[in-house]
Amino acid sequence: MLSCRHGSCCVSRATTLVTVCVALTVSATAVQEVAAQGRDTGGAAKSGNPACNILTPEELRTITAFPGYKRPSPGDPAGQGAGGGASCQYESAGPSVDARGNAVNEKGPLLSLVLIDGKNYTKTMPMARGCKKEAVPGVGDEAFFEVCPSTGRLSRTPPLYVKAGTRDLIVQMDIDAPDTDATIRPKVIAVAKAAAAKVR
């Protein structure tokens, strides 16, 4: 017979079940560790990339009203991204299937979030020729879009640079039709505002 207590199992007669007991014990331990991680980050396991730990997919879904954001995709590690920061991307995995087997398009255009620690990047970043700063009040200590001359339809919003205390953020989002720069920019601003509040 096999008896289990507190996540561990013991074999009284069938020695061939030892392997099963060990596997169950290891699984129970792993589940407890993941659960502990989830408690620390509002239900999501922490990433080794600090940019991916600022906002949860659930927060992004609420802020943007795009249901496709699930898990973050770590980009550049700290020190190797833009401005010497770490980067993280969020994007819909594409159509999913509902309970009836029907395809559901869970919209979530690529969203890029860069976290730069202690470099005062928003104040010192070099502006490309012909580009200008469009100030965005009410976000962090200072925020602006870097708007550069463009011909044709934009595929991404201009990058939004934000200074929040000793940290800087860069937020940018793809523009998928029928959305336009004008409809996506408010979502970028809302994401930046929430992120700045978290990293300050």
C-alpha atoms as a PDB file:
ATOM      1  CA  MET A   1       0.000   0.000   0.000  1.00  0.00           C
ATOM      2  CA  LEU A   2       1.003   3.580  -0.625  1.00  0.00           C
ATOM      3  CA  SER A   3       0.411   6.201   2.040  1.00  0.00           C
ATOM      4  CA  CYS A   4       1.119   9.926   1.717  1.00  0.00           C
ATOM      5  CA  ARG A   5       1.486  12.611   4.349  1.00  0.00           C
ATOM      6  CA  HIS A   6       2.401  16.280   3.996  1.00  0.00           C
ATOM      7  CA  GLY A   7       3.464  15.913   0.359  1.00  0.00           C
ATOM      8  CA  SER A   8       5.756  12.903   0.968  1.00  0.00           C
ATOM      9  CA  CYS A   9       4.979   9.241   0.295  1.00  0.00           C
ATOM     10  CA  CYS A  10       6.144   5.993   1.841  1.00  0.00           C
ATOM     11  CA  VAL A  11       6.100   2.455   0.449  1.00  0.00           C
ATOM     12  CA  SER A  12       5.092  -0.243   2.903  1.00  0.00           C
ATOM     13  CA  ARG A  13       5.232  -3.284   0.620  1.00  0.00           C
ATOM     14  CA  ALA A  14       5.744  -2.636  -3.087  1.00  0.00           C
ATOM     15  CA  THR A  15       9.345  -1.507  -3.428  1.00  0.00           C
ATOM     16  CA  THR A  16       8.768  -0.715  -7.096  1.00  0.00           C
ATOM     17  CA  LEU A  17       6.667   2.257  -5.989  1.00  0.00           C
ATOM     18  CA  VAL A  18       9.672   3.994  -4.448  1.00  0.00           C
ATOM     19  CA  THR A  19      10.271   5.833  -7.712  1.00  0.00           C
ATOM     20  CA  VAL A  20       6.678   7.059  -7.743  1.00  0.00           C
ATOM     21  CA  CYS A  21       6.972   8.335  -4.181  1.00  0.00           C
ATOM     22  CA  VAL A  22      10.176  10.200  -4.893  1.00  0.00           C
ATOM     23  CA  ALA A  23       8.657  11.795  -8.006  1.00  0.00           C
ATOM     24  CA  LEU A  24       5.569  12.889  -6.078  1.00  0.00           C
ATOM     25  CA  THR A  25       7.704  14.376  -3.315  1.00  0.00           C
ATOM     26  CA  VAL A  26       9.859  16.309  -5.809  1.00  0.00           C
ATOM     27  CA  SER A  27       6.743  17.534  -7.660  1.00  0.00           C
ATOM     28  CA  ALA A  28       5.139  18.716  -4.425  1.00  0.00           C
ATOM     29  CA  THR A  29       8.306  20.619  -3.506  1.00  0.00           C
ATOM     30  CA  ALA A  30       8.496  22.252  -6.958  1.00  0.00           C
ATOM     31  CA  VAL A  31       4.859  23.350  -6.764  1.00  0.00           C
ATOM     32  CA  GLN A  32       5.467  24.885  -3.331  1.00  0.00           C
ATOM     33  CA  GLU A  33       8.502  26.808  -4.653  1.00  0.00           C
ATOM     34  CA  VAL A  34       6.594  28.160  -7.671  1.00  0.00           C
ATOM     35  CA  ALA A  35       3.703  29.155  -5.420  1.00  0.00           C
ATOM     36  CA  ALA A  36       6.103  31.019  -3.137  1.00  0.00           C
ATOM     37  CA  GLN A  37       7.529  32.876  -6.129  1.00  0.00           C
ATOM     38  CA  GLY A  38       4.033  33.757  -7.285  1.00  0.00           C
ATOM     39  CA  ARG A  39       3.192  35.275  -3.904  1.00  0.00           C
ATOM     40  CA  ASP A  40       6.172  37.605  -4.222  1.00  0.00           C
ATOM     41  CA  THR A  41       5.140  38.982  -7.620  1.00  0.00           C
ATOM     42  CA  GLY A  42       1.387  39.102  -7.576  1.00  0.00           C
ATOM     43  CA  GLY A  43       0.931  35.631  -9.037  1.00  0.00           C
ATOM     44  CA  ALA A  44       3.750  35.609 -11.604  1.00  0.00           C
ATOM     45  CA  ALA A  45       7.150  34.032 -11.128  1.00  0.00           C
ATOM     46  CA  LYS A  46       9.947  36.603 -11.133  1.00  0.00           C
ATOM     47  CA  SER A  47      12.106  36.904 -14.208  1.00  0.00           C
ATOM     48  CA  GLY A  48      15.874  37.242 -14.158  1.00  0.00           C
ATOM     49  CA  ASN A  49      15.360  40.307 -16.352  1.00  0.00           C
ATOM     50  CA  PRO A  50      14.388  43.342 -14.223  1.00  0.00           C
ATOM     51  CA  ALA A  51      12.435  44.973 -17.059  1.00  0.00           C
ATOM     52  CA  CYS A  52      10.062  41.988 -17.065  1.00  0.00           C
ATOM     53  CA  ASN A  53       9.316  42.408 -13.344  1.00  0.00           C
ATOM     54  CA  ILE A  54       7.871  45.922 -13.522  1.00  0.00           C
ATOM     55  CA  LEU A  55       4.343  45.180 -14.768  1.00  0.00           C
ATOM     56  CA  THR A  56       2.478  41.895 -14.878  1.00  0.00           C
ATOM     57  CA  PRO A  57       0.645  40.701 -18.001  1.00  0.00           C
ATOM     58  CA  GLU A  58      -2.599  41.149 -16.065  1.00  0.00           C
ATOM     59  CA  GLU A  59      -1.756  44.799 -15.394  1.00  0.00           C
ATOM     60  CA  LEU A  60      -0.905  45.326 -19.068  1.00  0.00           C
ATOM     61  CA  ARG A  61      -4.199  43.774 -20.150  1.00  0.00           C
ATOM     62  CA  THR A  62      -6.048  46.160 -17.842  1.00  0.00           C
ATOM     63  CA  ILE A  63      -4.044  49.236 -18.885  1.00  0.00           C
ATOM     64  CA  THR A  64      -4.165  48.638 -22.644  1.00  0.00           C
ATOM     65  CA  ALA A  65      -7.486  46.758 -22.933  1.00  0.00           C
ATOM     66  CA  PHE A  66      -5.637  44.276 -25.171  1.00  0.00           C
ATOM     67  CA  PRO A  67      -6.372  40.707 -23.964  1.00  0.00           C
ATOM     68  CA  GLY A  68      -3.444  39.031 -25.730  1.00  0.00           C
ATOM     69  CA  TYR A  69      -0.674  39.844 -23.253  1.00  0.00           C
ATOM     70  CA  LYS A  70       0.252  36.658 -21.408  1.00  0.00           C
ATOM     71  CA  ARG A  71       3.857  36.186 -20.342  1.00  0.00           C
ATOM     72  CA  PRO A  72       6.842  38.502 -20.806  1.00  0.00           C
ATOM     73  CA  SER A  73       9.670  37.681 -23.186  1.00  0.00           C
ATOM     74  CA  PRO A  74      13.027  38.799 -21.743  1.00  0.00           C
ATOM     75  CA  GLY A  75      15.112  40.727 -24.257  1.00  0.00           C
ATOM     76  CA  ASP A  76      18.482  42.318 -23.530  1.00  0.00           C
ATOM     77  CA  PRO A  77      19.891  41.643 -20.062  1.00  0.00           C
ATOM     78  CA  ALA A  78      20.803  44.568 -17.801  1.00  0.00           C
ATOM     79  CA  GLY A  79      23.638  46.585 -19.299  1.00  0.00           C
ATOM     80  CA  GLN A  80      23.153  45.365 -22.858  1.00  0.00           C
ATOM     81  CA  GLY A  81      19.934  47.057 -24.003  1.00  0.00           C
ATOM     82  CA  ALA A  82      19.281  50.608 -25.191  1.00  0.00           C
ATOM     83  CA  GLY A  83      21.043  53.127 -22.962  1.00  0.00           C
ATOM     84  CA  GLY A  84      22.695  50.303 -21.044  1.00  0.00           C
ATOM     85  CA  GLY A  85      19.376  49.002 -19.779  1.00  0.00           C
ATOM     86  CA  ALA A  86      17.442  45.738 -19.741  1.00  0.00           C
ATOM     87  CA  SER A  87      14.563  45.134 -22.147  1.00  0.00           C
ATOM     88  CA  CYS A  88      11.394  43.092 -22.084  1.00  0.00           C
ATOM     89  CA  GLN A  89       8.744  42.464 -24.740  1.00  0.00           C
ATOM     90  CA  TYR A  90       5.094  41.502 -24.468  1.00  0.00           C
ATOM     91  CA  GLU A  91       3.113  40.228 -27.431  1.00  0.00           C
ATOM     92  CA  SER A  92       0.041  38.160 -28.192  1.00  0.00           C
ATOM     93  CA  ALA A  93       0.852  34.572 -29.081  1.00  0.00           C
ATOM     94  CA  GLY A  94      -1.776  34.810 -31.823  1.00  0.00           C
ATOM     95  CA  PRO A  95      -5.257  33.349 -32.183  1.00  0.00           C
ATOM     96  CA  SER A  96      -6.395  30.990 -29.451  1.00  0.00           C
ATOM     97  CA  VAL A  97      -9.352  28.615 -29.305  1.00  0.00           C
ATOM     98  CA  ASP A  98     -12.396  29.066 -27.080  1.00  0.00           C
ATOM     99  CA  ALA A  99     -14.378  26.311 -25.345  1.00  0.00           C
ATOM    100  CA  ARG A 100     -16.338  25.620 -28.562  1.00  0.00           C
ATOM    101  CA  GLY A 101     -13.219  25.294 -30.698  1.00  0.00           C
ATOM    102  CA  ASN A 102     -13.654  28.660 -32.392  1.00  0.00           C
ATOM    103  CA  ALA A 103     -10.573  30.775 -33.143  1.00  0.00           C
ATOM    104  CA  VAL A 104     -10.351  33.909 -30.994  1.00  0.00           C
ATOM    105  CA  ASN A 105      -7.962  36.687 -31.912  1.00  0.00           C
ATOM    106  CA  GLU A 106      -6.529  37.979 -28.637  1.00  0.00           C
ATOM    107  CA  LYS A 107      -5.083  41.296 -29.693  1.00  0.00           C
ATOM    108  CA  GLY A 108      -1.774  42.344 -28.191  1.00  0.00           C
ATOM    109  CA  PRO A 109       0.631  44.286 -30.435  1.00  0.00           C
ATOM    110  CA  LEU A 110       4.314  44.052 -29.532  1.00  0.00           C
ATOM    111  CA  LEU A 111       5.072  46.227 -26.523  1.00  0.00           C
ATOM    112  CA  SER A 112       8.687  46.959 -25.611  1.00  0.00           C
ATOM    113  CA  LEU A 113       9.748  48.130 -22.163  1.00  0.00           C
ATOM    114  CA  VAL A 114      13.335  49.129 -21.357  1.00  0.00           C
ATOM    115  CA  LEU A 115      14.570  49.784 -17.794  1.00  0.00           C
ATOM    116  CA  ILE A 116      17.795  51.786 -17.384  1.00  0.00           C
ATOM    117  CA  ASP A 117      19.195  52.040 -13.875  1.00  0.00           C
ATOM    118  CA  GLY A 118      21.204  55.036 -12.639  1.00  0.00           C
ATOM    119  CA  LYS A 119      22.359  56.516 -15.957  1.00  0.00           C
ATOM    120  CA  ASN A 120      20.175  59.650 -16.218  1.00  0.00           C
ATOM    121  CA  TYR A 121      19.477  58.548 -19.793  1.00  0.00           C
ATOM    122  CA  THR A 122      16.354  60.625 -20.403  1.00  0.00           C
ATOM    123  CA  LYS A 123      18.371  63.780 -19.711  1.00  0.00           C
ATOM    124  CA  THR A 124      21.506  62.796 -21.658  1.00  0.00           C
ATOM    125  CA  MET A 125      20.317  60.677 -24.607  1.00  0.00           C
ATOM    126  CA  PRO A 126      21.505  61.899 -28.003  1.00  0.00           C
ATOM    127  CA  MET A 127      18.713  63.037 -30.311  1.00  0.00           C
ATOM    128  CA  ALA A 128      18.876  61.931 -33.941  1.00  0.00           C
ATOM    129  CA  ARG A 129      19.126  64.696 -36.538  1.00  0.00           C
ATOM    130  CA  GLY A 130      15.769  66.213 -37.422  1.00  0.00           C
ATOM    131  CA  CYS A 131      14.022  64.635 -34.422  1.00  0.00           C
ATOM    132  CA  LYS A 132      12.259  66.593 -31.697  1.00  0.00           C
ATOM    133  CA  LYS A 133      10.981  66.041 -28.189  1.00  0.00           C
ATOM    134  CA  GLU A 134       7.230  66.094 -27.573  1.00  0.00           C
ATOM    135  CA  ALA A 135       6.740  66.549 -23.849  1.00  0.00           C
ATOM    136  CA  VAL A 136       4.282  64.269 -22.045  1.00  0.00           C
ATOM    137  CA  PRO A 137       3.187  65.843 -18.744  1.00  0.00           C
ATOM    138  CA  GLY A 138       2.180  63.800 -15.720  1.00  0.00           C
ATOM    139  CA  VAL A 139       4.431  60.799 -16.403  1.00  0.00           C
ATOM    140  CA  GLY A 140       7.352  60.243 -14.022  1.00  0.00           C
ATOM    141  CA  ASP A 141       9.635  63.219 -13.342  1.00  0.00           C
ATOM    142  CA  GLU A 142       9.985  63.980 -17.043  1.00  0.00           C
ATOM    143  CA  ALA A 143       8.716  62.278 -20.194  1.00  0.00           C
ATOM    144  CA  PHE A 144       8.750  62.887 -23.928  1.00  0.00           C
ATOM    145  CA  PHE A 145       8.227  61.141 -27.242  1.00  0.00           C
ATOM    146  CA  GLU A 146      11.175  61.262 -29.618  1.00  0.00           C
ATOM    147  CA  VAL A 147       9.425  62.180 -32.870  1.00  0.00           C
ATOM    148  CA  CYS A 148      11.437  61.881 -36.063  1.00  0.00           C
ATOM    149  CA  PRO A 149      10.548  62.718 -39.675  1.00  0.00           C
ATOM    150  CA  SER A 150       8.748  59.841 -41.369  1.00  0.00           C
ATOM    151  CA  THR A 151       7.219  59.079 -44.718  1.00  0.00           C
ATOM    152  CA  GLY A 152       4.232  56.798 -44.880  1.00  0.00           C
ATOM    153  CA  ARG A 153       2.353  54.958 -42.167  1.00  0.00           C
ATOM    154  CA  LEU A 154       4.152  54.272 -38.886  1.00  0.00           C
ATOM    155  CA  SER A 155       4.554  50.642 -37.826  1.00  0.00           C
ATOM    156  CA  ARG A 156       5.512  51.607 -34.253  1.00  0.00           C
ATOM    157  CA  THR A 157       4.881  54.542 -31.972  1.00  0.00           C
ATOM    158  CA  PRO A 158       7.771  56.907 -31.378  1.00  0.00           C
ATOM    159  CA  PRO A 159       9.733  55.834 -28.278  1.00  0.00           C
ATOM    160  CA  LEU A 160       8.523  57.394 -25.045  1.00  0.00           C
ATOM    161  CA  TYR A 161      11.401  58.248 -22.689  1.00  0.00           C
ATOM    162  CA  VAL A 162      10.617  58.595 -18.988  1.00  0.00           C
ATOM    163  CA  LYS A 163      12.717  59.644 -16.011  1.00  0.00           C
ATOM    164  CA  ALA A 164      11.478  58.242 -12.697  1.00  0.00           C
ATOM    165  CA  GLY A 165      13.803  58.913  -9.788  1.00  0.00           C
ATOM    166  CA  THR A 166      17.195  57.352 -10.534  1.00  0.00           C
ATOM    167  CA  ARG A 167      15.763  55.160 -13.270  1.00  0.00           C
ATOM    168  CA  ASP A 168      14.741  55.706 -16.856  1.00  0.00           C
ATOM    169  CA  LEU A 169      12.229  53.882 -19.038  1.00  0.00           C
ATOM    170  CA  ILE A 170      11.680  53.586 -22.764  1.00  0.00           C
ATOM    171  CA  VAL A 171       8.240  52.396 -23.868  1.00  0.00           C
ATOM    172  CA  GLN A 172       7.170  51.673 -27.435  1.00  0.00           C
ATOM    173  CA  MET A 173       4.346  49.728 -29.055  1.00  0.00           C
ATOM    174  CA  ASP A 174       3.634  48.361 -32.526  1.00  0.00           C
ATOM    175  CA  ILE A 175       0.713  49.816 -34.451  1.00  0.00           C
ATOM    176  CA  ASP A 176      -1.520  47.153 -35.992  1.00  0.00           C
ATOM    177  CA  ALA A 177      -4.363  48.231 -38.287  1.00  0.00           C
ATOM    178  CA  PRO A 178      -6.948  49.551 -37.814  1.00  0.00           C
ATOM    179  CA  ASP A 179      -5.115  51.315 -34.956  1.00  0.00           C
ATOM    180  CA  THR A 180      -3.037  54.401 -35.668  1.00  0.00           C
ATOM    181  CA  ASP A 181      -0.315  56.318 -33.869  1.00  0.00           C
ATOM    182  CA  ALA A 182      -3.026  58.549 -32.428  1.00  0.00           C
ATOM    183  CA  THR A 183      -4.987  55.615 -30.936  1.00  0.00           C
ATOM    184  CA  ILE A 184      -1.950  53.726 -29.598  1.00  0.00           C
ATOM    185  CA  ARG A 185      -0.042  56.622 -28.029  1.00  0.00           C
ATOM    186  CA  PRO A 186      -2.486  56.983 -25.087  1.00  0.00           C
ATOM    187  CA  LYS A 187      -1.908  53.300 -24.285  1.00  0.00           C
ATOM    188  CA  VAL A 188       1.872  53.797 -24.391  1.00  0.00           C
ATOM    189  CA  ILE A 189       1.512  56.774 -22.045  1.00  0.00           C
ATOM    190  CA  ALA A 190      -0.675  54.768 -19.650  1.00  0.00           C
ATOM    191  CA  VAL A 191       1.850  51.897 -19.581  1.00  0.00           C
ATOM    192  CA  ALA A 192       4.710  54.335 -18.971  1.00  0.00           C
ATOM    193  CA  LYS A 193       2.823  56.076 -16.175  1.00  0.00           C
ATOM    194  CA  ALA A 194       2.123  52.776 -14.392  1.00  0.00           C
ATOM    195  CA  ALA A 195       5.711  51.583 -14.884  1.00  0.00           C
ATOM    196  CA  ALA A 196       7.185  54.846 -13.609  1.00  0.00           C
ATOM    197  CA  ALA A 197       5.107  54.577 -10.453  1.00  0.00           C
ATOM    198  CA  LYS A 198       6.513  51.077  -9.866  1.00  0.00           C
ATOM    199  CA  VAL A 199      10.213  51.879 -10.384  1.00  0.00           C
ATOM    200  CA  ARG A 200      10.412  55.230  -8.620  1.00  0.00           C
END
